[in-house]
Amino acid sequence: MTELFEGISWLFEEVLLKPLDWLRSLELDSWWGANAINFVFIIIGMIAFAYWCKQLKIFQDADDENTRSKPYLG
């Protein structure tokens, strides 16, 4: 069992997290370069938010909301 956990440890430390180590070392040279991935995520979030608002507007203009109320069972 120990070999399994050491193998998982090696996979994460030497393979999957290497790009993050590279970004950490890049920060000393270029702050903008190291934070480029954050900017990409912010742009994706802004695009998703704009798309969501557009879809809400389409449904609001079509008056296609589910306005049926449910009975109170309290």
PDB file of N, CA and C in Angstrom:
ATOM      1  N   MET A   1       0.816  -1.193   0.000  1.00  0.00           N
ATOM      2  CA  MET A   1       0.000   0.000   0.000  1.00  0.00           C
ATOM      3  C   MET A   1       0.859   1.256   0.000  1.00  0.00           C
ATOM      4  N   THR A   2       2.008   1.178   0.634  1.00  0.00           N
ATOM      5  CA  THR A   2       2.884   2.344   0.696  1.00  0.00           C
ATOM      6  C   THR A   2       3.330   2.757  -0.694  1.00  0.00           C
ATOM      7  N   GLU A   3       3.623   1.780  -1.541  1.00  0.00           N
ATOM      8  CA  GLU A   3       4.061   2.092  -2.908  1.00  0.00           C
ATOM      9  C   GLU A   3       2.969   2.800  -3.690  1.00  0.00           C
ATOM     10  N   LEU A   4       1.716   2.432  -3.458  1.00  0.00           N
ATOM     11  CA  LEU A   4       0.592   3.087  -4.137  1.00  0.00           C
ATOM     12  C   LEU A   4       0.548   4.562  -3.773  1.00  0.00           C
ATOM     13  N   PHE A   5       0.633   4.860  -2.475  1.00  0.00           N
ATOM     14  CA  PHE A   5       0.565   6.252  -2.049  1.00  0.00           C
ATOM     15  C   PHE A   5       1.801   7.040  -2.485  1.00  0.00           C
ATOM     16  N   GLU A   6       2.956   6.391  -2.501  1.00  0.00           N
ATOM     17  CA  GLU A   6       4.154   7.067  -3.007  1.00  0.00           C
ATOM     18  C   GLU A   6       4.032   7.325  -4.499  1.00  0.00           C
ATOM     19  N   GLY A   7       3.408   6.410  -5.223  1.00  0.00           N
ATOM     20  CA  GLY A   7       3.179   6.622  -6.652  1.00  0.00           C
ATOM     21  C   GLY A   7       2.233   7.777  -6.910  1.00  0.00           C
ATOM     22  N   ILE A   8       1.179   7.878  -6.108  1.00  0.00           N
ATOM     23  CA  ILE A   8       0.244   9.001  -6.233  1.00  0.00           C
ATOM     24  C   ILE A   8       0.966  10.306  -5.902  1.00  0.00           C
ATOM     25  N   SER A   9       1.787  10.283  -4.873  1.00  0.00           N
ATOM     26  CA  SER A   9       2.558  11.461  -4.495  1.00  0.00           C
ATOM     27  C   SER A   9       3.482  11.890  -5.626  1.00  0.00           C
ATOM     28  N   TRP A  10       4.172  10.943  -6.227  1.00  0.00           N
ATOM     29  CA  TRP A  10       5.077  11.258  -7.339  1.00  0.00           C
ATOM     30  C   TRP A  10       4.306  11.842  -8.508  1.00  0.00           C
ATOM     31  N   LEU A  11       3.139  11.258  -8.817  1.00  0.00           N
ATOM     32  CA  LEU A  11       2.325  11.751  -9.937  1.00  0.00           C
ATOM     33  C   LEU A  11       1.959  13.214  -9.748  1.00  0.00           C
ATOM     34  N   PHE A  12       1.501  13.565  -8.557  1.00  0.00           N
ATOM     35  CA  PHE A  12       1.092  14.943  -8.331  1.00  0.00           C
ATOM     36  C   PHE A  12       2.282  15.881  -8.267  1.00  0.00           C
ATOM     37  N   GLU A  13       3.353  15.496  -7.576  1.00  0.00           N
ATOM     38  CA  GLU A  13       4.485  16.399  -7.392  1.00  0.00           C
ATOM     39  C   GLU A  13       5.303  16.575  -8.659  1.00  0.00           C
ATOM     40  N   GLU A  14       5.505  15.533  -9.416  1.00  0.00           N
ATOM     41  CA  GLU A  14       6.408  15.581 -10.563  1.00  0.00           C
ATOM     42  C   GLU A  14       5.717  15.775 -11.906  1.00  0.00           C
ATOM     43  N   VAL A  15       4.415  15.549 -11.963  1.00  0.00           N
ATOM     44  CA  VAL A  15       3.733  15.638 -13.263  1.00  0.00           C
ATOM     45  C   VAL A  15       2.634  16.694 -13.235  1.00  0.00           C
ATOM     46  N   LEU A  16       1.637  16.514 -12.392  1.00  0.00           N
ATOM     47  CA  LEU A  16       0.439  17.349 -12.444  1.00  0.00           C
ATOM     48  C   LEU A  16       0.650  18.762 -11.899  1.00  0.00           C
ATOM     49  N   LEU A  17       1.544  18.946 -10.943  1.00  0.00           N
ATOM     50  CA  LEU A  17       1.741  20.268 -10.357  1.00  0.00           C
ATOM     51  C   LEU A  17       2.971  20.997 -10.898  1.00  0.00           C
ATOM     52  N   LYS A  18       3.660  20.417 -11.875  1.00  0.00           N
ATOM     53  CA  LYS A  18       4.831  21.089 -12.456  1.00  0.00           C
ATOM     54  C   LYS A  18       4.482  22.433 -13.088  1.00  0.00           C
ATOM     55  N   PRO A  19       3.351  22.544 -13.817  1.00  0.00           N
ATOM     56  CA  PRO A  19       3.030  23.875 -14.371  1.00  0.00           C
ATOM     57  C   PRO A  19       2.856  24.940 -13.299  1.00  0.00           C
ATOM     58  N   LEU A  20       2.342  24.578 -12.139  1.00  0.00           N
ATOM     59  CA  LEU A  20       2.187  25.564 -11.074  1.00  0.00           C
ATOM     60  C   LEU A  20       3.531  25.960 -10.478  1.00  0.00           C
ATOM     61  N   ASP A  21       4.463  25.019 -10.412  1.00  0.00           N
ATOM     62  CA  ASP A  21       5.816  25.361  -9.974  1.00  0.00           C
ATOM     63  C   ASP A  21       6.461  26.335 -10.958  1.00  0.00           C
ATOM     64  N   TRP A  22       6.223  26.107 -12.242  1.00  0.00           N
ATOM     65  CA  TRP A  22       6.760  27.003 -13.268  1.00  0.00           C
ATOM     66  C   TRP A  22       6.161  28.400 -13.123  1.00  0.00           C
ATOM     67  N   LEU A  23       4.846  28.486 -12.867  1.00  0.00           N
ATOM     68  CA  LEU A  23       4.215  29.797 -12.669  1.00  0.00           C
ATOM     69  C   LEU A  23       4.761  30.494 -11.428  1.00  0.00           C
ATOM     70  N   ARG A  24       5.027  29.736 -10.374  1.00  0.00           N
ATOM     71  CA  ARG A  24       5.572  30.335  -9.152  1.00  0.00           C
ATOM     72  C   ARG A  24       6.957  30.919  -9.405  1.00  0.00           C
ATOM     73  N   SER A  25       7.784  30.224 -10.169  1.00  0.00           N
ATOM     74  CA  SER A  25       9.110  30.766 -10.473  1.00  0.00           C
ATOM     75  C   SER A  25       9.037  31.918 -11.463  1.00  0.00           C
ATOM     76  N   LEU A  26       8.013  31.914 -12.322  1.00  0.00           N
ATOM     77  CA  LEU A  26       7.845  32.998 -13.289  1.00  0.00           C
ATOM     78  C   LEU A  26       7.446  34.299 -12.600  1.00  0.00           C
ATOM     79  N   GLU A  27       6.797  34.205 -11.452  1.00  0.00           N
ATOM     80  CA  GLU A  27       6.333  35.407 -10.760  1.00  0.00           C
ATOM     81  C   GLU A  27       7.482  36.330 -10.390  1.00  0.00           C
ATOM     82  N   LEU A  28       8.656  35.773 -10.127  1.00  0.00           N
ATOM     83  CA  LEU A  28       9.799  36.608  -9.777  1.00  0.00           C
ATOM     84  C   LEU A  28      10.272  37.446 -10.958  1.00  0.00           C
ATOM     85  N   ASP A  29      10.026  36.955 -12.174  1.00  0.00           N
ATOM     86  CA  ASP A  29      10.444  37.679 -13.372  1.00  0.00           C
ATOM     87  C   ASP A  29       9.334  38.562 -13.934  1.00  0.00           C
ATOM     88  N   SER A  30       8.117  38.036 -13.983  1.00  0.00           N
ATOM     89  CA  SER A  30       7.024  38.758 -14.624  1.00  0.00           C
ATOM     90  C   SER A  30       5.721  38.511 -13.883  1.00  0.00           C
ATOM     91  N   TRP A  31       5.229  39.541 -13.202  1.00  0.00           N
ATOM     92  CA  TRP A  31       3.965  39.408 -12.492  1.00  0.00           C
ATOM     93  C   TRP A  31       2.823  39.185 -13.464  1.00  0.00           C
ATOM     94  N   TRP A  32       2.825  39.907 -14.590  1.00  0.00           N
ATOM     95  CA  TRP A  32       1.759  39.769 -15.583  1.00  0.00           C
ATOM     96  C   TRP A  32       1.735  38.366 -16.181  1.00  0.00           C
ATOM     97  N   GLY A  33       2.885  37.812 -16.446  1.00  0.00           N
ATOM     98  CA  GLY A  33       2.941  36.461 -17.003  1.00  0.00           C
ATOM     99  C   GLY A  33       2.445  35.412 -16.029  1.00  0.00           C
ATOM    100  N   ALA A  34       2.806  35.569 -14.759  1.00  0.00           N
ATOM    101  CA  ALA A  34       2.397  34.595 -13.754  1.00  0.00           C
ATOM    102  C   ALA A  34       0.892  34.657 -13.495  1.00  0.00           C
ATOM    103  N   ASN A  35       0.283  35.805 -13.685  1.00  0.00           N
ATOM    104  CA  ASN A  35      -1.145  35.952 -13.425  1.00  0.00           C
ATOM    105  C   ASN A  35      -1.990  35.876 -14.686  1.00  0.00           C
ATOM    106  N   ALA A  36      -1.404  35.498 -15.790  1.00  0.00           N
ATOM    107  CA  ALA A  36      -2.144  35.398 -17.043  1.00  0.00           C
ATOM    108  C   ALA A  36      -3.285  34.395 -16.933  1.00  0.00           C
ATOM    109  N   ILE A  37      -3.071  33.301 -16.235  1.00  0.00           N
ATOM    110  CA  ILE A  37      -4.138  32.307 -16.096  1.00  0.00           C
ATOM    111  C   ILE A  37      -5.318  32.882 -15.317  1.00  0.00           C
ATOM    112  N   ASN A  38      -5.053  33.750 -14.358  1.00  0.00           N
ATOM    113  CA  ASN A  38      -6.145  34.396 -13.625  1.00  0.00           C
ATOM    114  C   ASN A  38      -6.939  35.316 -14.534  1.00  0.00           C
ATOM    115  N   PHE A  39      -6.244  36.034 -15.409  1.00  0.00           N
ATOM    116  CA  PHE A  39      -6.932  36.916 -16.341  1.00  0.00           C
ATOM    117  C   PHE A  39      -7.798  36.115 -17.302  1.00  0.00           C
ATOM    118  N   VAL A  40      -7.314  34.975 -17.724  1.00  0.00           N
ATOM    119  CA  VAL A  40      -8.101  34.112 -18.615  1.00  0.00           C
ATOM    120  C   VAL A  40      -9.382  33.664 -17.905  1.00  0.00           C
ATOM    121  N   PHE A  41      -9.270  33.249 -16.650  1.00  0.00           N
ATOM    122  CA  PHE A  41     -10.461  32.829 -15.906  1.00  0.00           C
ATOM    123  C   PHE A  41     -11.434  33.984 -15.701  1.00  0.00           C
ATOM    124  N   ILE A  42     -10.927  35.179 -15.459  1.00  0.00           N
ATOM    125  CA  ILE A  42     -11.804  36.348 -15.292  1.00  0.00           C
ATOM    126  C   ILE A  42     -12.544  36.639 -16.591  1.00  0.00           C
ATOM    127  N   ILE A  43     -11.853  36.568 -17.716  1.00  0.00           N
ATOM    128  CA  ILE A  43     -12.493  36.814 -19.011  1.00  0.00           C
ATOM    129  C   ILE A  43     -13.555  35.762 -19.293  1.00  0.00           C
ATOM    130  N   ILE A  44     -13.258  34.499 -19.016  1.00  0.00           N
ATOM    131  CA  ILE A  44     -14.248  33.430 -19.214  1.00  0.00           C
ATOM    132  C   ILE A  44     -15.468  33.682 -18.325  1.00  0.00           C
ATOM    133  N   GLY A  45     -15.254  34.088 -17.090  1.00  0.00           N
ATOM    134  CA  GLY A  45     -16.361  34.387 -16.189  1.00  0.00           C
ATOM    135  C   GLY A  45     -17.205  35.550 -16.678  1.00  0.00           C
ATOM    136  N   MET A  46     -16.557  36.592 -17.208  1.00  0.00           N
ATOM    137  CA  MET A  46     -17.297  37.735 -17.731  1.00  0.00           C
ATOM    138  C   MET A  46     -18.126  37.348 -18.951  1.00  0.00           C
ATOM    139  N   ILE A  47     -17.570  36.518 -19.821  1.00  0.00           N
ATOM    140  CA  ILE A  47     -18.313  36.062 -20.994  1.00  0.00           C
ATOM    141  C   ILE A  47     -19.509  35.208 -20.571  1.00  0.00           C
ATOM    142  N   ALA A  48     -19.302  34.315 -19.601  1.00  0.00           N
ATOM    143  CA  ALA A  48     -20.397  33.473 -19.120  1.00  0.00           C
ATOM    144  C   ALA A  48     -21.490  34.320 -18.471  1.00  0.00           C
ATOM    145  N   PHE A  49     -21.102  35.344 -17.709  1.00  0.00           N
ATOM    146  CA  PHE A  49     -22.083  36.215 -17.077  1.00  0.00           C
ATOM    147  C   PHE A  49     -22.884  36.992 -18.119  1.00  0.00           C
ATOM    148  N   ALA A  50     -22.207  37.504 -19.159  1.00  0.00           N
ATOM    149  CA  ALA A  50     -22.908  38.227 -20.221  1.00  0.00           C
ATOM    150  C   ALA A  50     -23.876  37.308 -20.957  1.00  0.00           C
ATOM    151  N   TYR A  51     -23.463  36.067 -21.228  1.00  0.00           N
ATOM    152  CA  TYR A  51     -24.338  35.103 -21.895  1.00  0.00           C
ATOM    153  C   TYR A  51     -25.559  34.803 -21.024  1.00  0.00           C
ATOM    154  N   TRP A  52     -25.341  34.626 -19.732  1.00  0.00           N
ATOM    155  CA  TRP A  52     -26.430  34.341 -18.809  1.00  0.00           C
ATOM    156  C   TRP A  52     -27.433  35.492 -18.778  1.00  0.00           C
ATOM    157  N   CYS A  53     -26.928  36.722 -18.705  1.00  0.00           N
ATOM    158  CA  CYS A  53     -27.816  37.890 -18.697  1.00  0.00           C
ATOM    159  C   CYS A  53     -28.595  37.992 -20.001  1.00  0.00           C
ATOM    160  N   LYS A  54     -27.957  37.681 -21.119  1.00  0.00           N
ATOM    161  CA  LYS A  54     -28.630  37.693 -22.418  1.00  0.00           C
ATOM    162  C   LYS A  54     -29.765  36.671 -22.440  1.00  0.00           C
ATOM    163  N   GLN A  55     -29.506  35.477 -21.924  1.00  0.00           N
ATOM    164  CA  GLN A  55     -30.549  34.447 -21.885  1.00  0.00           C
ATOM    165  C   GLN A  55     -31.694  34.862 -20.963  1.00  0.00           C
ATOM    166  N   LEU A  56     -31.388  35.478 -19.824  1.00  0.00           N
ATOM    167  CA  LEU A  56     -32.445  35.962 -18.936  1.00  0.00           C
ATOM    168  C   LEU A  56     -33.305  37.003 -19.633  1.00  0.00           C
ATOM    169  N   LYS A  57     -32.683  37.877 -20.398  1.00  0.00           N
ATOM    170  CA  LYS A  57     -33.415  38.916 -21.131  1.00  0.00           C
ATOM    171  C   LYS A  57     -34.323  38.290 -22.181  1.00  0.00           C
ATOM    172  N   ILE A  58     -33.844  37.265 -22.869  1.00  0.00           N
ATOM    173  CA  ILE A  58     -34.658  36.593 -23.889  1.00  0.00           C
ATOM    174  C   ILE A  58     -35.903  35.988 -23.253  1.00  0.00           C
ATOM    175  N   PHE A  59     -35.758  35.305 -22.121  1.00  0.00           N
ATOM    176  CA  PHE A  59     -36.907  34.698 -21.463  1.00  0.00           C
ATOM    177  C   PHE A  59     -37.831  35.744 -20.868  1.00  0.00           C
ATOM    178  N   GLN A  60     -37.279  36.846 -20.393  1.00  0.00           N
ATOM    179  CA  GLN A  60     -38.115  37.906 -19.838  1.00  0.00           C
ATOM    180  C   GLN A  60     -38.934  38.569 -20.946  1.00  0.00           C
ATOM    181  N   ASP A  61     -38.316  38.817 -22.081  1.00  0.00           N
ATOM    182  CA  ASP A  61     -39.033  39.440 -23.199  1.00  0.00           C
ATOM    183  C   ASP A  61     -40.111  38.529 -23.761  1.00  0.00           C
ATOM    184  N   ALA A  62     -39.898  37.230 -23.737  1.00  0.00           N
ATOM    185  CA  ALA A  62     -40.878  36.274 -24.248  1.00  0.00           C
ATOM    186  C   ALA A  62     -41.963  35.984 -23.218  1.00  0.00           C
ATOM    187  N   ASP A  63     -41.822  36.506 -22.012  1.00  0.00           N
ATOM    188  CA  ASP A  63     -42.754  36.259 -20.916  1.00  0.00           C
ATOM    189  C   ASP A  63     -42.984  34.758 -20.737  1.00  0.00           C
ATOM    190  N   ASP A  64     -41.873  34.039 -20.723  1.00  0.00           N
ATOM    191  CA  ASP A  64     -41.904  32.578 -20.693  1.00  0.00           C
ATOM    192  C   ASP A  64     -41.518  32.041 -19.323  1.00  0.00           C
ATOM    193  N   GLU A  65     -41.739  32.817 -18.290  1.00  0.00           N
ATOM    194  CA  GLU A  65     -41.385  32.372 -16.951  1.00  0.00           C
ATOM    195  C   GLU A  65     -42.455  31.443 -16.408  1.00  0.00           C
ATOM    196  N   ASN A  66     -42.063  30.597 -15.498  1.00  0.00           N
ATOM    197  CA  ASN A  66     -42.999  29.736 -14.809  1.00  0.00           C
ATOM    198  C   ASN A  66     -43.514  30.513 -13.599  1.00  0.00           C
ATOM    199  N   THR A  67     -44.700  31.139 -13.739  1.00  0.00           N
ATOM    200  CA  THR A  67     -45.211  31.979 -12.677  1.00  0.00           C
ATOM    201  C   THR A  67     -46.276  31.271 -11.848  1.00  0.00           C
ATOM    202  N   ARG A  68     -46.528  30.019 -12.130  1.00  0.00           N
ATOM    203  CA  ARG A  68     -47.521  29.252 -11.382  1.00  0.00           C
ATOM    204  C   ARG A  68     -47.047  29.085  -9.944  1.00  0.00           C
ATOM    205  N   SER A  69     -47.890  29.416  -9.014  1.00  0.00           N
ATOM    206  CA  SER A  69     -47.495  29.281  -7.616  1.00  0.00           C
ATOM    207  C   SER A  69     -47.900  27.908  -7.097  1.00  0.00           C
ATOM    208  N   LYS A  70     -47.147  27.438  -6.138  1.00  0.00           N
ATOM    209  CA  LYS A  70     -47.430  26.142  -5.534  1.00  0.00           C
ATOM    210  C   LYS A  70     -48.214  26.369  -4.241  1.00  0.00           C
ATOM    211  N   PRO A  71     -49.087  25.443  -3.894  1.00  0.00           N
ATOM    212  CA  PRO A  71     -49.858  25.627  -2.651  1.00  0.00           C
ATOM    213  C   PRO A  71     -48.968  25.495  -1.425  1.00  0.00           C
ATOM    214  N   TYR A  72     -49.325  26.230  -0.412  1.00  0.00           N
ATOM    215  CA  TYR A  72     -48.593  26.170   0.855  1.00  0.00           C
ATOM    216  C   TYR A  72     -49.051  24.928   1.621  1.00  0.00           C
ATOM    217  N   LEU A  73     -48.097  24.089   1.995  1.00  0.00           N
ATOM    218  CA  LEU A  73     -48.436  22.846   2.668  1.00  0.00           C
ATOM    219  C   LEU A  73     -48.197  22.910   4.164  1.00  0.00           C
ATOM    220  N   GLY A  74     -47.832  24.066   4.679  1.00  0.00           N
ATOM    221  CA  GLY A  74     -47.423  24.259   6.045  1.00  0.00           C
ATOM    222  C   GLY A  74     -48.396  23.867   7.043  1.00  0.00           C
TER     223      GLY A  74
END
